[in-house]
Amino acid sequence: MKNVYAAILIALAVISLSSCKKVIGTGPVVSESRTTASFSEIEFSVPGSIRYIDSETREIIIEAQRNIIDVIETRVSDNKLKVYVRDNTNIRSHEEITITVKGPGVNRIALQGSGNLEIPGAFTPTNARLSISGSGNMTVDNIETNSLEVNISGSGNIKVRDGLAVDENITISGSGNVDLVGVEASTATTKTSGSGSITVFVHDELNARISGSGDVYYKGDPTVNVDVSGSGKVRKM
């Protein structure tokens, strides 16, 4: 019976792959500018180099080969801007894709897949949420926020170089790493399940829950509350 189920799953996977349109990049890299409706959240699902710039002007700039640009969709729904490759399309053997999104008032940014996202300059929402699902990487130059929520599912990494936060809530499921040692926070709550590690700078209180082999490293002199069911440790830097 198990062999039958396995055969069915393989067949379904083959059918799914065969139904995808393959697009191979051709021609030189060109640039296209797109306008967009207002948004407060962004979800990226494109392999490439991505930037979000806090700006009063809303604009999306895509740099790639022409036939690759043609299959990159940009849509706003329920105040969320989605940047993704057209459904049932597989892009291959292309030059680097670079996407820049500009706009004001963004508080949630999600990266899916293998892209690399950068937020240069200051990122200052009242409440911020950063998330990765997959193997992508996210780097933020500076953040100032009341509440910072960080989530990783997979092997991706999130690093914030500098900033301030009143409260941090960090969750890792997988082997990804979160580096917030440059962000001074009053309190932090961390949850890890897997081998990923978290690094924070906390002044008042750190609540760490570990189920797996991931470690939590902290700077500062907070009260530390620990709940460990695994081999992971909480370590002072």
C-alpha atoms as a PDB file:
ATOM      1  CA  MET A   1       0.000   0.000   0.000  1.00  0.00           C
ATOM      2  CA  LYS A   2       2.849   2.364   0.836  1.00  0.00           C
ATOM      3  CA  ASN A   3       4.345   1.709  -2.596  1.00  0.00           C
ATOM      4  CA  VAL A   4       1.026   2.595  -4.224  1.00  0.00           C
ATOM      5  CA  TYR A   5       0.833   5.882  -2.322  1.00  0.00           C
ATOM      6  CA  ALA A   6       4.427   6.684  -3.268  1.00  0.00           C
ATOM      7  CA  ALA A   7       3.720   5.986  -6.933  1.00  0.00           C
ATOM      8  CA  ILE A   8       0.660   8.246  -6.833  1.00  0.00           C
ATOM      9  CA  LEU A   9       2.640  11.091  -5.261  1.00  0.00           C
ATOM     10  CA  ILE A  10       5.409  10.751  -7.850  1.00  0.00           C
ATOM     11  CA  ALA A  11       2.877  10.741 -10.672  1.00  0.00           C
ATOM     12  CA  LEU A  12       1.196  13.864  -9.319  1.00  0.00           C
ATOM     13  CA  ALA A  13       4.562  15.610  -9.018  1.00  0.00           C
ATOM     14  CA  VAL A  14       5.456  14.726 -12.618  1.00  0.00           C
ATOM     15  CA  ILE A  15       2.087  15.985 -13.861  1.00  0.00           C
ATOM     16  CA  SER A  16       2.509  19.229 -11.907  1.00  0.00           C
ATOM     17  CA  LEU A  17       5.994  19.844 -13.296  1.00  0.00           C
ATOM     18  CA  SER A  18       4.981  19.002 -16.854  1.00  0.00           C
ATOM     19  CA  SER A  19       2.096  21.482 -16.692  1.00  0.00           C
ATOM     20  CA  CYS A  20       4.433  24.376 -15.773  1.00  0.00           C
ATOM     21  CA  LYS A  21       5.528  26.712 -18.522  1.00  0.00           C
ATOM     22  CA  LYS A  22       9.330  26.970 -18.620  1.00  0.00           C
ATOM     23  CA  VAL A  23      10.736  30.418 -19.378  1.00  0.00           C
ATOM     24  CA  ILE A  24      14.453  30.748 -20.157  1.00  0.00           C
ATOM     25  CA  GLY A  25      15.846  34.265 -19.977  1.00  0.00           C
ATOM     26  CA  THR A  26      16.859  35.778 -23.320  1.00  0.00           C
ATOM     27  CA  GLY A  27      18.227  39.160 -24.330  1.00  0.00           C
ATOM     28  CA  PRO A  28      19.793  41.967 -22.325  1.00  0.00           C
ATOM     29  CA  VAL A  29      18.708  43.149 -18.888  1.00  0.00           C
ATOM     30  CA  VAL A  30      16.210  46.011 -19.093  1.00  0.00           C
ATOM     31  CA  SER A  31      14.280  48.050 -16.535  1.00  0.00           C
ATOM     32  CA  GLU A  32      10.532  48.483 -16.111  1.00  0.00           C
ATOM     33  CA  SER A  33       8.747  50.841 -13.712  1.00  0.00           C
ATOM     34  CA  ARG A  34       5.245  50.015 -12.473  1.00  0.00           C
ATOM     35  CA  THR A  35       2.783  52.072 -10.462  1.00  0.00           C
ATOM     36  CA  THR A  36       0.754  50.493  -7.687  1.00  0.00           C
ATOM     37  CA  ALA A  37      -2.164  51.073  -5.349  1.00  0.00           C
ATOM     38  CA  SER A  38      -1.480  51.759  -1.665  1.00  0.00           C
ATOM     39  CA  PHE A  39      -0.291  48.880   0.528  1.00  0.00           C
ATOM     40  CA  SER A  40       0.983  48.282   4.063  1.00  0.00           C
ATOM     41  CA  GLU A  41       2.261  44.719   3.601  1.00  0.00           C
ATOM     42  CA  ILE A  42       4.579  43.159   1.021  1.00  0.00           C
ATOM     43  CA  GLU A  43       5.001  39.513   0.084  1.00  0.00           C
ATOM     44  CA  PHE A  44       7.897  38.624  -2.225  1.00  0.00           C
ATOM     45  CA  SER A  45       8.055  35.257  -4.003  1.00  0.00           C
ATOM     46  CA  VAL A  46      10.682  35.933  -6.667  1.00  0.00           C
ATOM     47  CA  PRO A  47      14.257  34.563  -6.794  1.00  0.00           C
ATOM     48  CA  GLY A  48      16.540  37.560  -7.001  1.00  0.00           C
ATOM     49  CA  SER A  49      17.810  40.661  -5.229  1.00  0.00           C
ATOM     50  CA  ILE A  50      15.009  42.659  -3.637  1.00  0.00           C
ATOM     51  CA  ARG A  51      14.928  46.028  -1.885  1.00  0.00           C
ATOM     52  CA  TYR A  52      12.226  47.880  -0.006  1.00  0.00           C
ATOM     53  CA  ILE A  53      12.714  51.641   0.373  1.00  0.00           C
ATOM     54  CA  ASP A  54      10.464  53.707   2.632  1.00  0.00           C
ATOM     55  CA  SER A  55       9.367  56.534   0.343  1.00  0.00           C
ATOM     56  CA  GLU A  56       6.387  58.822  -0.184  1.00  0.00           C
ATOM     57  CA  THR A  57       6.392  57.743  -3.831  1.00  0.00           C
ATOM     58  CA  ARG A  58       4.891  54.336  -4.638  1.00  0.00           C
ATOM     59  CA  GLU A  59       6.811  52.566  -7.370  1.00  0.00           C
ATOM     60  CA  ILE A  60       7.998  49.106  -8.380  1.00  0.00           C
ATOM     61  CA  ILE A  61      11.160  48.850 -10.470  1.00  0.00           C
ATOM     62  CA  ILE A  62      12.026  45.490 -12.027  1.00  0.00           C
ATOM     63  CA  GLU A  63      15.390  44.897 -13.707  1.00  0.00           C
ATOM     64  CA  ALA A  64      15.667  41.642 -15.634  1.00  0.00           C
ATOM     65  CA  GLN A  65      15.523  40.215 -19.125  1.00  0.00           C
ATOM     66  CA  ARG A  66      12.390  41.240 -20.995  1.00  0.00           C
ATOM     67  CA  ASN A  67      10.738  37.831 -21.118  1.00  0.00           C
ATOM     68  CA  ILE A  68      11.422  37.366 -17.400  1.00  0.00           C
ATOM     69  CA  ILE A  69       9.845  40.726 -16.517  1.00  0.00           C
ATOM     70  CA  ASP A  70       6.777  39.687 -18.493  1.00  0.00           C
ATOM     71  CA  VAL A  71       6.054  36.790 -16.105  1.00  0.00           C
ATOM     72  CA  ILE A  72       6.627  38.702 -12.857  1.00  0.00           C
ATOM     73  CA  GLU A  73       3.273  39.738 -11.425  1.00  0.00           C
ATOM     74  CA  THR A  74       2.653  42.652  -9.044  1.00  0.00           C
ATOM     75  CA  ARG A  75      -0.792  42.788  -7.432  1.00  0.00           C
ATOM     76  CA  VAL A  76      -2.366  44.553  -4.441  1.00  0.00           C
ATOM     77  CA  SER A  77      -5.121  42.720  -2.569  1.00  0.00           C
ATOM     78  CA  ASP A  78      -6.411  43.479   0.943  1.00  0.00           C
ATOM     79  CA  ASN A  79      -3.699  46.109   1.357  1.00  0.00           C
ATOM     80  CA  LYS A  80      -0.974  43.540   0.586  1.00  0.00           C
ATOM     81  CA  LEU A  81       1.379  43.920  -2.371  1.00  0.00           C
ATOM     82  CA  LYS A  82       2.331  40.552  -3.823  1.00  0.00           C
ATOM     83  CA  VAL A  83       5.357  40.242  -6.104  1.00  0.00           C
ATOM     84  CA  TYR A  84       5.567  36.782  -7.621  1.00  0.00           C
ATOM     85  CA  VAL A  85       6.243  34.682 -10.698  1.00  0.00           C
ATOM     86  CA  ARG A  86       3.105  33.962 -12.693  1.00  0.00           C
ATOM     87  CA  ASP A  87       1.288  30.791 -11.676  1.00  0.00           C
ATOM     88  CA  ASN A  88       2.352  27.577 -13.442  1.00  0.00           C
ATOM     89  CA  THR A  89       5.525  29.262 -14.688  1.00  0.00           C
ATOM     90  CA  ASN A  90       9.086  28.137 -14.014  1.00  0.00           C
ATOM     91  CA  ILE A  91      11.865  30.625 -14.815  1.00  0.00           C
ATOM     92  CA  ARG A  92      15.318  29.193 -15.518  1.00  0.00           C
ATOM     93  CA  SER A  93      18.790  30.160 -16.789  1.00  0.00           C
ATOM     94  CA  HIS A  94      18.265  33.903 -16.488  1.00  0.00           C
ATOM     95  CA  GLU A  95      20.346  36.939 -15.598  1.00  0.00           C
ATOM     96  CA  GLU A  96      20.021  38.348 -12.088  1.00  0.00           C
ATOM     97  CA  ILE A  97      16.602  39.742 -11.214  1.00  0.00           C
ATOM     98  CA  THR A  98      16.583  42.978  -9.205  1.00  0.00           C
ATOM     99  CA  ILE A  99      13.355  44.362  -7.758  1.00  0.00           C
ATOM    100  CA  THR A 100      12.972  47.642  -5.865  1.00  0.00           C
ATOM    101  CA  VAL A 101       9.712  48.502  -4.138  1.00  0.00           C
ATOM    102  CA  LYS A 102       9.114  52.024  -2.842  1.00  0.00           C
ATOM    103  CA  GLY A 103       6.226  53.184  -0.690  1.00  0.00           C
ATOM    104  CA  PRO A 104       5.236  54.615   2.698  1.00  0.00           C
ATOM    105  CA  GLY A 105       3.762  52.990   5.772  1.00  0.00           C
ATOM    106  CA  VAL A 106       4.785  49.350   5.294  1.00  0.00           C
ATOM    107  CA  ASN A 107       4.755  47.316   8.511  1.00  0.00           C
ATOM    108  CA  ARG A 108       4.907  43.695   7.350  1.00  0.00           C
ATOM    109  CA  ILE A 109       7.376  42.163   4.906  1.00  0.00           C
ATOM    110  CA  ALA A 110       7.408  38.479   3.978  1.00  0.00           C
ATOM    111  CA  LEU A 111       9.931  36.638   1.812  1.00  0.00           C
ATOM    112  CA  GLN A 112       9.105  33.261   0.317  1.00  0.00           C
ATOM    113  CA  GLY A 113      11.572  31.043  -1.492  1.00  0.00           C
ATOM    114  CA  SER A 114      15.196  31.873  -2.208  1.00  0.00           C
ATOM    115  CA  GLY A 115      15.322  35.622  -2.742  1.00  0.00           C
ATOM    116  CA  ASN A 116      17.599  38.047  -0.893  1.00  0.00           C
ATOM    117  CA  LEU A 117      15.873  41.086   0.594  1.00  0.00           C
ATOM    118  CA  GLU A 118      17.473  44.289   1.832  1.00  0.00           C
ATOM    119  CA  ILE A 119      15.868  47.226   3.643  1.00  0.00           C
ATOM    120  CA  PRO A 120      18.407  50.074   3.460  1.00  0.00           C
ATOM    121  CA  GLY A 121      18.084  53.124   5.681  1.00  0.00           C
ATOM    122  CA  ALA A 122      15.538  53.458   8.486  1.00  0.00           C
ATOM    123  CA  PHE A 123      12.504  51.171   8.844  1.00  0.00           C
ATOM    124  CA  THR A 124      10.184  52.746  11.438  1.00  0.00           C
ATOM    125  CA  PRO A 125       6.691  51.206  11.619  1.00  0.00           C
ATOM    126  CA  THR A 126       4.843  51.295  14.939  1.00  0.00           C
ATOM    127  CA  ASN A 127       4.584  47.498  14.836  1.00  0.00           C
ATOM    128  CA  ALA A 128       6.857  45.531  12.521  1.00  0.00           C
ATOM    129  CA  ARG A 129       6.700  41.970  11.262  1.00  0.00           C
ATOM    130  CA  LEU A 130       9.470  40.276   9.259  1.00  0.00           C
ATOM    131  CA  SER A 131       9.134  36.704   8.025  1.00  0.00           C
ATOM    132  CA  ILE A 132      10.880  34.170   5.811  1.00  0.00           C
ATOM    133  CA  SER A 133       9.522  30.908   4.498  1.00  0.00           C
ATOM    134  CA  GLY A 134      12.288  29.076   2.649  1.00  0.00           C
ATOM    135  CA  SER A 135      16.000  29.686   2.150  1.00  0.00           C
ATOM    136  CA  GLY A 136      16.020  33.420   1.509  1.00  0.00           C
ATOM    137  CA  ASN A 137      17.930  36.050   3.466  1.00  0.00           C
ATOM    138  CA  MET A 138      16.758  39.394   4.846  1.00  0.00           C
ATOM    139  CA  THR A 139      18.944  42.283   6.012  1.00  0.00           C
ATOM    140  CA  VAL A 140      17.658  45.480   7.639  1.00  0.00           C
ATOM    141  CA  ASP A 141      19.979  48.440   8.223  1.00  0.00           C
ATOM    142  CA  ASN A 142      18.044  50.115  11.033  1.00  0.00           C
ATOM    143  CA  ILE A 143      14.705  49.596  12.770  1.00  0.00           C
ATOM    144  CA  GLU A 144      12.774  51.595  15.354  1.00  0.00           C
ATOM    145  CA  THR A 145       9.480  50.104  16.492  1.00  0.00           C
ATOM    146  CA  ASN A 146       7.317  49.376  19.506  1.00  0.00           C
ATOM    147  CA  SER A 147       6.801  45.717  18.636  1.00  0.00           C
ATOM    148  CA  LEU A 148       9.047  43.586  16.428  1.00  0.00           C
ATOM    149  CA  GLU A 149       7.856  40.145  15.352  1.00  0.00           C
ATOM    150  CA  VAL A 150      10.280  37.894  13.476  1.00  0.00           C
ATOM    151  CA  ASN A 151       9.391  34.478  12.034  1.00  0.00           C
ATOM    152  CA  ILE A 152      11.495  31.985  10.084  1.00  0.00           C
ATOM    153  CA  SER A 153      10.276  28.697   8.671  1.00  0.00           C
ATOM    154  CA  GLY A 154      13.118  26.939   6.868  1.00  0.00           C
ATOM    155  CA  SER A 155      16.806  27.753   6.436  1.00  0.00           C
ATOM    156  CA  GLY A 156      16.589  31.489   5.798  1.00  0.00           C
ATOM    157  CA  ASN A 157      18.365  34.142   7.870  1.00  0.00           C
ATOM    158  CA  ILE A 158      17.258  37.539   9.187  1.00  0.00           C
ATOM    159  CA  LYS A 159      19.704  40.181  10.411  1.00  0.00           C
ATOM    160  CA  VAL A 160      18.920  43.676  11.697  1.00  0.00           C
ATOM    161  CA  ARG A 161      22.106  45.697  12.057  1.00  0.00           C
ATOM    162  CA  ASP A 162      20.932  48.463  14.385  1.00  0.00           C
ATOM    163  CA  GLY A 163      17.852  49.806  16.129  1.00  0.00           C
ATOM    164  CA  LEU A 164      15.457  49.995  19.058  1.00  0.00           C
ATOM    165  CA  ALA A 165      12.373  47.977  20.005  1.00  0.00           C
ATOM    166  CA  VAL A 166      10.177  47.912  23.085  1.00  0.00           C
ATOM    167  CA  ASP A 167       9.204  44.258  22.663  1.00  0.00           C
ATOM    168  CA  GLU A 168      10.510  41.447  20.449  1.00  0.00           C
ATOM    169  CA  ASN A 169       8.818  38.162  19.593  1.00  0.00           C
ATOM    170  CA  ILE A 170      10.991  35.742  17.612  1.00  0.00           C
ATOM    171  CA  THR A 171      10.057  32.295  16.303  1.00  0.00           C
ATOM    172  CA  ILE A 172      12.224  29.856  14.333  1.00  0.00           C
ATOM    173  CA  SER A 173      11.083  26.546  12.905  1.00  0.00           C
ATOM    174  CA  GLY A 174      14.012  24.957  11.082  1.00  0.00           C
ATOM    175  CA  SER A 175      17.688  25.806  10.662  1.00  0.00           C
ATOM    176  CA  GLY A 176      17.425  29.540  10.015  1.00  0.00           C
ATOM    177  CA  ASN A 177      19.117  32.153  12.190  1.00  0.00           C
ATOM    178  CA  VAL A 178      17.965  35.505  13.599  1.00  0.00           C
ATOM    179  CA  ASP A 179      20.548  38.147  14.522  1.00  0.00           C
ATOM    180  CA  LEU A 180      19.096  41.088  16.469  1.00  0.00           C
ATOM    181  CA  VAL A 181      22.113  41.801  18.672  1.00  0.00           C
ATOM    182  CA  GLY A 182      22.273  45.300  17.181  1.00  0.00           C
ATOM    183  CA  VAL A 183      18.686  46.049  18.264  1.00  0.00           C
ATOM    184  CA  GLU A 184      18.251  47.121  21.882  1.00  0.00           C
ATOM    185  CA  ALA A 185      14.962  45.810  23.295  1.00  0.00           C
ATOM    186  CA  SER A 186      13.236  46.060  26.656  1.00  0.00           C
ATOM    187  CA  THR A 187      11.767  42.552  26.502  1.00  0.00           C
ATOM    188  CA  ALA A 188      12.087  39.570  24.184  1.00  0.00           C
ATOM    189  CA  THR A 189      10.264  36.267  23.780  1.00  0.00           C
ATOM    190  CA  THR A 190      11.971  33.568  21.704  1.00  0.00           C
ATOM    191  CA  LYS A 191      10.721  30.201  20.479  1.00  0.00           C
ATOM    192  CA  THR A 192      12.931  27.777  18.566  1.00  0.00           C
ATOM    193  CA  SER A 193      12.134  24.323  17.226  1.00  0.00           C
ATOM    194  CA  GLY A 194      15.025  22.966  15.212  1.00  0.00           C
ATOM    195  CA  SER A 195      18.677  23.914  14.905  1.00  0.00           C
ATOM    196  CA  GLY A 196      18.345  27.633  14.253  1.00  0.00           C
ATOM    197  CA  SER A 197      19.925  30.167  16.613  1.00  0.00           C
ATOM    198  CA  ILE A 198      18.739  33.543  17.913  1.00  0.00           C
ATOM    199  CA  THR A 199      20.895  36.450  19.073  1.00  0.00           C
ATOM    200  CA  VAL A 200      19.340  39.392  20.952  1.00  0.00           C
ATOM    201  CA  PHE A 201      20.193  42.444  23.066  1.00  0.00           C
ATOM    202  CA  VAL A 202      17.691  42.701  25.949  1.00  0.00           C
ATOM    203  CA  HIS A 203      17.594  45.008  28.965  1.00  0.00           C
ATOM    204  CA  ASP A 204      14.657  43.910  31.152  1.00  0.00           C
ATOM    205  CA  GLU A 205      13.277  40.414  30.495  1.00  0.00           C
ATOM    206  CA  LEU A 206      14.070  37.480  28.199  1.00  0.00           C
ATOM    207  CA  ASN A 207      11.662  34.548  27.884  1.00  0.00           C
ATOM    208  CA  ALA A 208      13.232  31.695  25.919  1.00  0.00           C
ATOM    209  CA  ARG A 209      11.518  28.476  24.878  1.00  0.00           C
ATOM    210  CA  ILE A 210      13.694  25.891  23.118  1.00  0.00           C
ATOM    211  CA  SER A 211      12.619  22.560  21.660  1.00  0.00           C
ATOM    212  CA  GLY A 212      15.530  21.310  19.596  1.00  0.00           C
ATOM    213  CA  SER A 213      19.238  22.014  19.247  1.00  0.00           C
ATOM    214  CA  GLY A 214      19.090  25.736  18.543  1.00  0.00           C
ATOM    215  CA  ASP A 215      20.741  28.165  20.969  1.00  0.00           C
ATOM    216  CA  VAL A 216      19.666  31.602  22.183  1.00  0.00           C
ATOM    217  CA  TYR A 217      22.475  34.097  22.751  1.00  0.00           C
ATOM    218  CA  TYR A 218      21.799  37.326  24.592  1.00  0.00           C
ATOM    219  CA  LYS A 219      23.562  40.552  25.417  1.00  0.00           C
ATOM    220  CA  GLY A 220      22.527  42.711  28.371  1.00  0.00           C
ATOM    221  CA  ASP A 221      21.434  41.910  31.923  1.00  0.00           C
ATOM    222  CA  PRO A 222      17.757  40.931  31.724  1.00  0.00           C
ATOM    223  CA  THR A 223      15.802  38.577  33.932  1.00  0.00           C
ATOM    224  CA  VAL A 224      15.952  35.265  32.049  1.00  0.00           C
ATOM    225  CA  ASN A 225      13.139  32.693  32.047  1.00  0.00           C
ATOM    226  CA  VAL A 226      13.963  29.432  30.271  1.00  0.00           C
ATOM    227  CA  ASP A 227      11.873  26.467  29.095  1.00  0.00           C
ATOM    228  CA  VAL A 228      14.062  23.878  27.343  1.00  0.00           C
ATOM    229  CA  SER A 229      13.063  20.484  25.940  1.00  0.00           C
ATOM    230  CA  GLY A 230      16.054  19.585  23.795  1.00  0.00           C
ATOM    231  CA  SER A 231      19.789  20.156  23.590  1.00  0.00           C
ATOM    232  CA  GLY A 232      19.649  23.887  22.922  1.00  0.00           C
ATOM    233  CA  LYS A 233      21.058  26.364  25.439  1.00  0.00           C
ATOM    234  CA  VAL A 234      20.541  29.964  26.507  1.00  0.00           C
ATOM    235  CA  ARG A 235      23.938  31.641  26.617  1.00  0.00           C
ATOM    236  CA  LYS A 236      25.036  35.087  27.759  1.00  0.00           C
ATOM    237  CA  MET A 237      27.411  36.796  25.335  1.00  0.00           C
END
